[in-house]
Amino acid sequence: TAVFKGLAYPGSVITLIKNGVIAAEVPASPSGTFEIRLRGLNPGTYSFGIRAEDPDKLRSTLDLYTIYVAAAVTTVVDGIFIPPTITTDKVEVKRGDPIMLAGRSAPNANVTLTVHSATELIKKITSNSSGSWLYKLDSSELEIGSHEGKVRASTESDLSLYSDPVGFNVGTTNR
């Protein structure tokens, strides 16, 4: 048996992939916690991936684990902290206008938004009790050109990996 436990976003669907094939899908609890139990595994080494899909259909980065499962032993992978999701309201923002960056994370988590630019911007946000977070970025802080943002979350006891980046342009129109 292999058990996977961790923290994601309330209302998300947690997918466990075993050796490239979906092995289980479970909902996260209202507090964002999840537990997946895989029984009947033959002894051996397995590659697992775990991700969440938030209520807006955005998927987290895939967390990868390689574990050895022994006969008659339960292997527990605990402390999984699913990275947040991120999206924007525009693919291009007129310089000086705001661009909204948003996503989901663990409830009441500290979310760090990093925007890669000539000068890297770092902004701090706190997700609400349902895990939603939103940041209104003043694009006049950025140069004309392409940029990408990514987020990570932290709690008192844990720090997630970064999300997949989301790209956008700062230019002369909003679209």
N, C-alpha and C. Protein backbone atom coordinates (compact mmCIF):
# COMPACT_ATOMS: atom_id res chain seq x y z
N THR A 1 0.85 -1.19 0.00
CA THR A 1 0.00 0.00 0.00
C THR A 1 0.88 1.24 0.00
N ALA A 2 0.49 2.24 -0.77
CA ALA A 2 1.15 3.54 -0.76
C ALA A 2 0.10 4.58 -0.42
N VAL A 3 0.44 5.50 0.48
CA VAL A 3 -0.47 6.55 0.93
C VAL A 3 0.17 7.90 0.63
N PHE A 4 -0.61 8.80 0.04
CA PHE A 4 -0.14 10.15 -0.28
C PHE A 4 -1.04 11.14 0.44
N LYS A 5 -0.44 12.02 1.26
CA LYS A 5 -1.20 12.98 2.05
C LYS A 5 -0.63 14.37 1.84
N GLY A 6 -1.52 15.36 1.83
CA GLY A 6 -1.00 16.71 1.70
C GLY A 6 -2.05 17.78 1.72
N LEU A 7 -1.64 18.94 1.18
CA LEU A 7 -2.46 20.14 1.20
C LEU A 7 -2.54 20.70 -0.21
N ALA A 8 -3.76 21.01 -0.63
CA ALA A 8 -4.01 21.60 -1.94
C ALA A 8 -4.98 22.77 -1.75
N TYR A 9 -5.93 22.92 -2.66
CA TYR A 9 -6.90 24.01 -2.57
C TYR A 9 -8.29 23.41 -2.41
N PRO A 10 -9.13 24.00 -1.55
CA PRO A 10 -10.49 23.50 -1.39
C PRO A 10 -11.20 23.46 -2.74
N GLY A 11 -11.96 22.40 -2.95
CA GLY A 11 -12.72 22.28 -4.19
C GLY A 11 -11.90 21.78 -5.36
N SER A 12 -10.64 21.45 -5.14
CA SER A 12 -9.82 20.95 -6.25
C SER A 12 -9.93 19.44 -6.35
N VAL A 13 -9.54 18.92 -7.51
CA VAL A 13 -9.47 17.49 -7.73
C VAL A 13 -7.99 17.11 -7.78
N ILE A 14 -7.60 16.17 -6.93
CA ILE A 14 -6.22 15.73 -6.85
C ILE A 14 -6.08 14.48 -7.71
N THR A 15 -5.11 14.49 -8.61
CA THR A 15 -4.87 13.35 -9.50
C THR A 15 -3.53 12.74 -9.16
N LEU A 16 -3.53 11.42 -8.96
CA LEU A 16 -2.30 10.66 -8.73
C LEU A 16 -2.01 9.85 -9.98
N ILE A 17 -0.81 10.02 -10.51
CA ILE A 17 -0.40 9.31 -11.72
C ILE A 17 0.69 8.32 -11.32
N LYS A 18 0.50 7.06 -11.71
CA LYS A 18 1.48 6.00 -11.40
C LYS A 18 2.09 5.51 -12.70
N ASN A 19 3.39 5.66 -12.84
CA ASN A 19 4.11 5.22 -14.05
C ASN A 19 3.43 5.72 -15.32
N GLY A 20 2.98 6.99 -15.31
CA GLY A 20 2.41 7.62 -16.50
C GLY A 20 0.93 7.41 -16.71
N VAL A 21 0.26 6.68 -15.83
CA VAL A 21 -1.17 6.39 -15.98
C VAL A 21 -1.91 6.89 -14.74
N ILE A 22 -3.08 7.51 -14.94
CA ILE A 22 -3.87 7.98 -13.80
C ILE A 22 -4.27 6.79 -12.94
N ALA A 23 -3.89 6.84 -11.67
CA ALA A 23 -4.17 5.74 -10.74
C ALA A 23 -5.33 6.08 -9.81
N ALA A 24 -5.55 7.37 -9.53
CA ALA A 24 -6.62 7.77 -8.62
C ALA A 24 -6.90 9.26 -8.76
N GLU A 25 -8.15 9.63 -8.49
CA GLU A 25 -8.55 11.03 -8.40
C GLU A 25 -9.44 11.18 -7.19
N VAL A 26 -9.14 12.17 -6.35
CA VAL A 26 -9.93 12.40 -5.15
C VAL A 26 -10.15 13.90 -4.99
N PRO A 27 -11.26 14.28 -4.34
CA PRO A 27 -11.45 15.72 -4.06
C PRO A 27 -10.68 16.13 -2.82
N ALA A 28 -10.21 17.36 -2.82
CA ALA A 28 -9.61 17.92 -1.61
C ALA A 28 -10.75 18.27 -0.65
N SER A 29 -10.48 18.22 0.62
CA SER A 29 -11.48 18.55 1.63
C SER A 29 -11.73 20.06 1.62
N PRO A 30 -12.76 20.55 2.33
CA PRO A 30 -13.00 21.99 2.43
C PRO A 30 -11.82 22.76 3.04
N SER A 31 -10.94 22.07 3.77
CA SER A 31 -9.75 22.74 4.32
C SER A 31 -8.54 22.59 3.40
N GLY A 32 -8.73 21.88 2.29
CA GLY A 32 -7.66 21.70 1.31
C GLY A 32 -6.83 20.45 1.49
N THR A 33 -7.09 19.66 2.53
CA THR A 33 -6.29 18.45 2.74
C THR A 33 -6.78 17.32 1.83
N PHE A 34 -5.89 16.37 1.58
CA PHE A 34 -6.26 15.20 0.79
C PHE A 34 -5.45 13.99 1.27
N GLU A 35 -5.99 12.81 0.96
CA GLU A 35 -5.30 11.56 1.23
C GLU A 35 -5.71 10.58 0.14
N ILE A 36 -4.72 9.95 -0.47
CA ILE A 36 -4.96 8.93 -1.50
C ILE A 36 -4.27 7.65 -1.05
N ARG A 37 -5.02 6.54 -1.06
CA ARG A 37 -4.46 5.23 -0.70
C ARG A 37 -4.50 4.33 -1.93
N LEU A 38 -3.35 3.80 -2.29
CA LEU A 38 -3.27 2.81 -3.38
C LEU A 38 -2.94 1.46 -2.76
N ARG A 39 -3.85 0.51 -2.92
CA ARG A 39 -3.66 -0.82 -2.34
C ARG A 39 -3.30 -1.82 -3.45
N GLY A 40 -2.76 -2.93 -3.04
CA GLY A 40 -2.49 -4.01 -3.98
C GLY A 40 -1.32 -3.78 -4.90
N LEU A 41 -0.39 -2.94 -4.50
CA LEU A 41 0.79 -2.71 -5.32
C LEU A 41 1.78 -3.86 -5.15
N ASN A 42 2.37 -4.31 -6.22
CA ASN A 42 3.42 -5.31 -6.13
C ASN A 42 4.68 -4.64 -5.60
N PRO A 43 5.52 -5.37 -4.87
CA PRO A 43 6.77 -4.78 -4.42
C PRO A 43 7.57 -4.26 -5.62
N GLY A 44 8.20 -3.10 -5.42
CA GLY A 44 9.01 -2.54 -6.50
C GLY A 44 9.09 -1.03 -6.40
N THR A 45 9.79 -0.46 -7.38
CA THR A 45 9.97 0.98 -7.45
C THR A 45 8.97 1.56 -8.43
N TYR A 46 8.32 2.64 -8.01
CA TYR A 46 7.29 3.29 -8.82
C TYR A 46 7.59 4.78 -8.95
N SER A 47 7.19 5.32 -10.09
CA SER A 47 7.24 6.77 -10.29
C SER A 47 5.82 7.30 -10.18
N PHE A 48 5.64 8.27 -9.28
CA PHE A 48 4.33 8.87 -9.07
C PHE A 48 4.39 10.36 -9.37
N GLY A 49 3.30 10.87 -9.90
CA GLY A 49 3.13 12.31 -10.07
C GLY A 49 1.82 12.69 -9.43
N ILE A 50 1.77 13.86 -8.84
CA ILE A 50 0.54 14.31 -8.20
C ILE A 50 0.31 15.77 -8.55
N ARG A 51 -0.93 16.09 -8.88
CA ARG A 51 -1.28 17.46 -9.24
C ARG A 51 -2.71 17.73 -8.82
N ALA A 52 -3.05 19.03 -8.83
CA ALA A 52 -4.42 19.43 -8.51
C ALA A 52 -4.97 20.22 -9.69
N GLU A 53 -6.30 20.12 -9.86
CA GLU A 53 -7.00 20.97 -10.82
C GLU A 53 -7.99 21.79 -10.01
N ASP A 54 -7.86 23.11 -10.11
CA ASP A 54 -8.71 23.98 -9.28
C ASP A 54 -10.10 24.12 -9.89
N PRO A 55 -11.04 24.74 -9.18
CA PRO A 55 -12.41 24.88 -9.69
C PRO A 55 -12.50 25.66 -11.00
N ASP A 56 -11.45 26.43 -11.36
CA ASP A 56 -11.44 27.16 -12.63
C ASP A 56 -10.77 26.36 -13.74
N LYS A 57 -10.51 25.07 -13.48
CA LYS A 57 -9.91 24.13 -14.44
C LYS A 57 -8.43 24.42 -14.72
N LEU A 58 -7.76 25.17 -13.84
CA LEU A 58 -6.32 25.38 -13.96
C LEU A 58 -5.62 24.26 -13.21
N ARG A 59 -4.56 23.72 -13.82
CA ARG A 59 -3.81 22.62 -13.20
C ARG A 59 -2.52 23.13 -12.57
N SER A 60 -2.19 22.51 -11.46
CA SER A 60 -0.92 22.83 -10.79
C SER A 60 0.24 22.17 -11.53
N THR A 61 1.43 22.55 -11.13
CA THR A 61 2.63 21.86 -11.56
C THR A 61 2.55 20.42 -11.06
N LEU A 62 3.09 19.50 -11.82
CA LEU A 62 3.11 18.10 -11.42
C LEU A 62 4.27 17.85 -10.46
N ASP A 63 3.97 17.41 -9.24
CA ASP A 63 5.00 17.02 -8.26
C ASP A 63 5.36 15.57 -8.52
N LEU A 64 6.64 15.27 -8.59
CA LEU A 64 7.09 13.91 -8.90
C LEU A 64 7.75 13.24 -7.70
N TYR A 65 7.46 11.94 -7.54
CA TYR A 65 8.02 11.15 -6.45
C TYR A 65 8.39 9.78 -7.00
N THR A 66 9.54 9.28 -6.62
CA THR A 66 9.93 7.91 -6.91
C THR A 66 10.04 7.21 -5.56
N ILE A 67 9.26 6.14 -5.40
CA ILE A 67 9.26 5.44 -4.11
C ILE A 67 9.38 3.94 -4.32
N TYR A 68 9.95 3.29 -3.34
CA TYR A 68 10.02 1.84 -3.32
C TYR A 68 8.92 1.33 -2.39
N VAL A 69 8.14 0.38 -2.89
CA VAL A 69 7.08 -0.23 -2.09
C VAL A 69 7.52 -1.66 -1.77
N ALA A 70 7.57 -1.98 -0.47
CA ALA A 70 7.97 -3.31 -0.01
C ALA A 70 6.72 -4.14 0.29
N ALA A 71 6.88 -5.44 0.25
CA ALA A 71 5.78 -6.35 0.56
C ALA A 71 5.35 -6.17 2.01
N ALA A 72 4.06 -6.17 2.24
CA ALA A 72 3.46 -6.12 3.58
C ALA A 72 3.84 -4.86 4.37
N VAL A 73 4.22 -3.79 3.68
CA VAL A 73 4.58 -2.53 4.33
C VAL A 73 3.77 -1.40 3.69
N THR A 74 3.28 -0.50 4.52
CA THR A 74 2.60 0.69 4.00
C THR A 74 3.62 1.81 3.89
N THR A 75 3.77 2.33 2.68
CA THR A 75 4.68 3.45 2.44
C THR A 75 3.85 4.73 2.43
N VAL A 76 4.23 5.70 3.26
CA VAL A 76 3.48 6.94 3.38
C VAL A 76 4.33 8.10 2.88
N VAL A 77 3.77 8.86 1.94
CA VAL A 77 4.38 10.11 1.49
C VAL A 77 3.49 11.21 2.05
N ASP A 78 4.01 11.92 3.06
CA ASP A 78 3.22 12.92 3.78
C ASP A 78 3.86 14.29 3.58
N GLY A 79 3.08 15.34 3.80
CA GLY A 79 3.61 16.69 3.70
C GLY A 79 3.65 17.22 2.28
N ILE A 80 2.89 16.62 1.38
CA ILE A 80 2.83 17.13 0.00
C ILE A 80 2.14 18.49 0.03
N PHE A 81 2.73 19.47 -0.61
CA PHE A 81 2.17 20.82 -0.65
C PHE A 81 2.05 21.20 -2.13
N ILE A 82 0.85 21.09 -2.65
CA ILE A 82 0.61 21.33 -4.08
C ILE A 82 0.88 22.80 -4.41
N PRO A 83 1.69 23.08 -5.44
CA PRO A 83 1.95 24.48 -5.83
C PRO A 83 0.67 25.18 -6.28
N PRO A 84 0.60 26.50 -6.11
CA PRO A 84 -0.59 27.25 -6.53
C PRO A 84 -0.76 27.25 -8.05
N THR A 85 -1.94 27.67 -8.47
CA THR A 85 -2.19 27.92 -9.89
C THR A 85 -2.10 29.42 -10.14
N ILE A 86 -1.93 29.80 -11.41
CA ILE A 86 -1.84 31.22 -11.77
C ILE A 86 -2.40 31.42 -13.18
N THR A 87 -3.08 32.54 -13.37
CA THR A 87 -3.56 32.96 -14.69
C THR A 87 -3.61 34.48 -14.70
N THR A 88 -3.83 35.05 -15.88
CA THR A 88 -3.96 36.50 -16.02
C THR A 88 -5.27 36.82 -16.72
N ASP A 89 -5.70 38.09 -16.61
CA ASP A 89 -6.91 38.50 -17.31
C ASP A 89 -6.62 39.04 -18.71
N LYS A 90 -5.33 39.14 -19.08
CA LYS A 90 -4.95 39.66 -20.39
C LYS A 90 -3.71 38.92 -20.89
N VAL A 91 -3.58 38.83 -22.21
CA VAL A 91 -2.33 38.33 -22.79
C VAL A 91 -1.40 39.50 -23.09
N GLU A 92 -1.99 40.69 -23.28
CA GLU A 92 -1.21 41.92 -23.42
C GLU A 92 -1.90 43.02 -22.64
N VAL A 93 -1.10 43.80 -21.93
CA VAL A 93 -1.63 44.91 -21.15
C VAL A 93 -0.97 46.20 -21.65
N LYS A 94 -1.78 47.23 -21.80
CA LYS A 94 -1.25 48.54 -22.19
C LYS A 94 -0.44 49.08 -21.02
N ARG A 95 0.81 49.47 -21.30
CA ARG A 95 1.69 49.94 -20.22
C ARG A 95 1.00 51.06 -19.45
N GLY A 96 0.94 50.93 -18.14
CA GLY A 96 0.27 51.89 -17.27
C GLY A 96 -1.08 51.40 -16.78
N ASP A 97 -1.68 50.42 -17.49
CA ASP A 97 -2.95 49.84 -17.07
C ASP A 97 -2.68 48.65 -16.15
N PRO A 98 -3.67 48.29 -15.34
CA PRO A 98 -3.47 47.13 -14.46
C PRO A 98 -3.66 45.80 -15.19
N ILE A 99 -2.97 44.79 -14.71
CA ILE A 99 -3.20 43.42 -15.15
C ILE A 99 -3.49 42.61 -13.89
N MET A 100 -4.52 41.80 -13.96
CA MET A 100 -4.91 40.98 -12.82
C MET A 100 -4.27 39.60 -12.93
N LEU A 101 -3.59 39.19 -11.88
CA LEU A 101 -3.05 37.84 -11.77
C LEU A 101 -3.82 37.17 -10.65
N ALA A 102 -4.24 35.92 -10.89
CA ALA A 102 -5.10 35.25 -9.93
C ALA A 102 -4.86 33.75 -9.98
N GLY A 103 -5.33 33.06 -8.97
CA GLY A 103 -5.24 31.61 -8.93
C GLY A 103 -5.75 31.06 -7.63
N ARG A 104 -5.35 29.82 -7.36
CA ARG A 104 -5.76 29.12 -6.13
C ARG A 104 -4.53 28.58 -5.42
N SER A 105 -4.67 28.50 -4.11
CA SER A 105 -3.60 27.98 -3.25
C SER A 105 -4.25 27.34 -2.04
N ALA A 106 -3.43 26.91 -1.13
CA ALA A 106 -3.95 26.42 0.15
C ALA A 106 -4.68 27.57 0.84
N PRO A 107 -5.69 27.28 1.65
CA PRO A 107 -6.43 28.34 2.34
C PRO A 107 -5.52 29.16 3.25
N ASN A 108 -5.72 30.48 3.23
CA ASN A 108 -5.01 31.41 4.11
C ASN A 108 -3.49 31.28 4.04
N ALA A 109 -2.98 30.95 2.85
CA ALA A 109 -1.54 30.80 2.67
C ALA A 109 -0.92 32.13 2.25
N ASN A 110 0.36 32.27 2.54
CA ASN A 110 1.12 33.41 2.04
C ASN A 110 1.56 33.07 0.63
N VAL A 111 1.14 33.88 -0.33
CA VAL A 111 1.46 33.63 -1.74
C VAL A 111 2.48 34.67 -2.18
N THR A 112 3.56 34.21 -2.77
CA THR A 112 4.60 35.10 -3.30
C THR A 112 4.53 35.06 -4.81
N LEU A 113 4.25 36.23 -5.41
CA LEU A 113 4.19 36.38 -6.86
C LEU A 113 5.52 36.96 -7.31
N THR A 114 6.15 36.29 -8.27
CA THR A 114 7.41 36.76 -8.84
C THR A 114 7.17 37.02 -10.32
N VAL A 115 7.46 38.24 -10.77
CA VAL A 115 7.33 38.59 -12.18
C VAL A 115 8.73 38.80 -12.72
N HIS A 116 9.09 37.99 -13.70
CA HIS A 116 10.42 38.08 -14.30
C HIS A 116 10.42 39.18 -15.34
N SER A 117 11.34 40.09 -15.17
CA SER A 117 11.47 41.26 -16.00
C SER A 117 12.94 41.67 -15.91
N ALA A 118 13.33 42.78 -16.54
CA ALA A 118 14.71 43.27 -16.39
C ALA A 118 15.01 43.45 -14.90
N THR A 119 14.04 43.99 -14.17
CA THR A 119 14.10 44.06 -12.72
C THR A 119 13.01 43.14 -12.20
N GLU A 120 13.39 42.10 -11.47
CA GLU A 120 12.41 41.16 -10.96
C GLU A 120 11.52 41.82 -9.91
N LEU A 121 10.21 41.63 -10.05
CA LEU A 121 9.25 42.14 -9.07
C LEU A 121 8.81 40.99 -8.18
N ILE A 122 8.69 41.26 -6.88
CA ILE A 122 8.17 40.28 -5.94
C ILE A 122 7.06 40.94 -5.15
N LYS A 123 5.88 40.32 -5.20
CA LYS A 123 4.70 40.83 -4.51
C LYS A 123 4.16 39.76 -3.57
N LYS A 124 3.60 40.20 -2.45
CA LYS A 124 3.05 39.28 -1.44
C LYS A 124 1.53 39.41 -1.38
N ILE A 125 0.86 38.27 -1.32
CA ILE A 125 -0.59 38.21 -1.25
C ILE A 125 -0.94 37.12 -0.23
N THR A 126 -2.12 37.16 0.33
CA THR A 126 -2.60 36.07 1.17
C THR A 126 -3.85 35.50 0.53
N SER A 127 -3.90 34.19 0.37
CA SER A 127 -5.11 33.57 -0.17
C SER A 127 -6.22 33.62 0.87
N ASN A 128 -7.46 33.59 0.40
CA ASN A 128 -8.60 33.62 1.33
C ASN A 128 -8.91 32.21 1.85
N SER A 129 -9.98 32.09 2.60
CA SER A 129 -10.29 30.80 3.24
C SER A 129 -10.66 29.72 2.23
N SER A 130 -11.02 30.09 1.00
CA SER A 130 -11.30 29.08 -0.03
C SER A 130 -10.09 28.86 -0.94
N GLY A 131 -8.97 29.52 -0.62
CA GLY A 131 -7.75 29.33 -1.39
C GLY A 131 -7.55 30.29 -2.55
N SER A 132 -8.54 31.14 -2.83
CA SER A 132 -8.40 32.08 -3.95
C SER A 132 -7.45 33.21 -3.59
N TRP A 133 -6.69 33.65 -4.58
CA TRP A 133 -5.83 34.83 -4.40
C TRP A 133 -5.92 35.67 -5.67
N LEU A 134 -5.68 36.97 -5.51
CA LEU A 134 -5.78 37.91 -6.63
C LEU A 134 -4.82 39.05 -6.38
N TYR A 135 -4.09 39.45 -7.44
CA TYR A 135 -3.19 40.60 -7.32
C TYR A 135 -3.38 41.49 -8.53
N LYS A 136 -3.61 42.79 -8.28
CA LYS A 136 -3.76 43.80 -9.33
C LYS A 136 -2.38 44.45 -9.50
N LEU A 137 -1.71 44.12 -10.60
CA LEU A 137 -0.35 44.60 -10.84
C LEU A 137 -0.39 45.84 -11.72
N ASP A 138 0.30 46.89 -11.30
CA ASP A 138 0.44 48.12 -12.06
C ASP A 138 1.50 47.87 -13.13
N SER A 139 1.10 47.80 -14.39
CA SER A 139 2.05 47.46 -15.45
C SER A 139 3.08 48.55 -15.72
N SER A 140 2.89 49.74 -15.14
CA SER A 140 3.91 50.78 -15.31
C SER A 140 5.20 50.40 -14.56
N GLU A 141 5.13 49.38 -13.69
CA GLU A 141 6.33 48.88 -13.01
C GLU A 141 7.18 48.00 -13.92
N LEU A 142 6.67 47.68 -15.12
CA LEU A 142 7.34 46.77 -16.03
C LEU A 142 7.75 47.47 -17.32
N GLU A 143 8.78 46.94 -17.96
CA GLU A 143 9.22 47.46 -19.24
C GLU A 143 8.29 46.94 -20.35
N ILE A 144 8.30 47.60 -21.49
CA ILE A 144 7.61 47.10 -22.68
C ILE A 144 8.27 45.77 -23.05
N GLY A 145 7.46 44.78 -23.39
CA GLY A 145 8.00 43.49 -23.80
C GLY A 145 7.31 42.34 -23.10
N SER A 146 7.89 41.15 -23.23
CA SER A 146 7.26 39.96 -22.66
C SER A 146 7.76 39.71 -21.24
N HIS A 147 6.87 39.18 -20.45
CA HIS A 147 7.12 38.91 -19.04
C HIS A 147 6.46 37.58 -18.67
N GLU A 148 6.88 37.04 -17.53
CA GLU A 148 6.18 35.88 -17.01
C GLU A 148 6.11 35.97 -15.50
N GLY A 149 4.99 35.47 -15.00
CA GLY A 149 4.79 35.46 -13.56
C GLY A 149 4.65 34.03 -13.07
N LYS A 150 5.07 33.81 -11.83
CA LYS A 150 4.89 32.52 -11.19
C LYS A 150 4.67 32.76 -9.71
N VAL A 151 4.08 31.79 -9.05
CA VAL A 151 3.77 31.92 -7.62
C VAL A 151 4.20 30.68 -6.86
N ARG A 152 4.42 30.90 -5.57
CA ARG A 152 4.61 29.80 -4.64
C ARG A 152 3.87 30.17 -3.37
N ALA A 153 3.55 29.17 -2.57
CA ALA A 153 2.80 29.41 -1.35
C ALA A 153 3.59 28.94 -0.15
N SER A 154 3.30 29.55 0.99
CA SER A 154 3.92 29.10 2.23
C SER A 154 2.90 29.16 3.36
N THR A 155 3.11 28.28 4.32
CA THR A 155 2.34 28.29 5.57
C THR A 155 3.39 28.41 6.67
N GLU A 156 2.95 28.35 7.92
CA GLU A 156 3.90 28.42 9.03
C GLU A 156 4.92 27.29 8.96
N SER A 157 4.52 26.15 8.38
CA SER A 157 5.39 24.98 8.43
C SER A 157 5.87 24.46 7.07
N ASP A 158 5.46 25.09 5.97
CA ASP A 158 5.81 24.50 4.68
C ASP A 158 5.94 25.55 3.59
N LEU A 159 6.61 25.17 2.50
CA LEU A 159 6.82 26.03 1.34
C LEU A 159 6.63 25.18 0.10
N SER A 160 5.77 25.64 -0.82
CA SER A 160 5.52 24.87 -2.03
C SER A 160 6.60 25.15 -3.07
N LEU A 161 6.60 24.33 -4.10
CA LEU A 161 7.38 24.63 -5.29
C LEU A 161 6.70 25.78 -6.02
N TYR A 162 7.36 26.34 -7.04
CA TYR A 162 6.73 27.37 -7.86
C TYR A 162 5.72 26.76 -8.81
N SER A 163 4.73 27.56 -9.16
CA SER A 163 3.76 27.19 -10.19
C SER A 163 4.44 27.17 -11.55
N ASP A 164 3.76 26.64 -12.53
CA ASP A 164 4.20 26.84 -13.91
C ASP A 164 4.06 28.33 -14.19
N PRO A 165 4.94 28.91 -15.01
CA PRO A 165 4.83 30.34 -15.29
C PRO A 165 3.68 30.66 -16.24
N VAL A 166 3.16 31.88 -16.12
CA VAL A 166 2.17 32.39 -17.07
C VAL A 166 2.79 33.60 -17.75
N GLY A 167 2.69 33.63 -19.07
CA GLY A 167 3.30 34.71 -19.83
C GLY A 167 2.31 35.79 -20.21
N PHE A 168 2.81 37.02 -20.34
CA PHE A 168 2.00 38.13 -20.83
C PHE A 168 2.95 39.20 -21.37
N ASN A 169 2.40 40.08 -22.18
CA ASN A 169 3.17 41.17 -22.76
C ASN A 169 2.72 42.51 -22.21
N VAL A 170 3.66 43.43 -22.08
CA VAL A 170 3.34 44.81 -21.79
C VAL A 170 3.60 45.56 -23.09
N GLY A 171 2.55 46.24 -23.58
CA GLY A 171 2.64 46.90 -24.88
C GLY A 171 1.78 48.14 -24.96
N THR A 172 1.10 48.29 -26.08
CA THR A 172 0.30 49.49 -26.35
C THR A 172 -1.19 49.26 -26.37
N THR A 173 -1.63 47.99 -26.19
CA THR A 173 -3.07 47.69 -26.19
C THR A 173 -3.39 46.68 -25.10
N ASN A 174 -4.66 46.62 -24.77
CA ASN A 174 -5.15 45.58 -23.85
C ASN A 174 -5.88 44.53 -24.68
N ARG A 175 -5.48 43.30 -24.49
CA ARG A 175 -6.20 42.20 -25.16
C ARG A 175 -6.06 40.92 -24.35
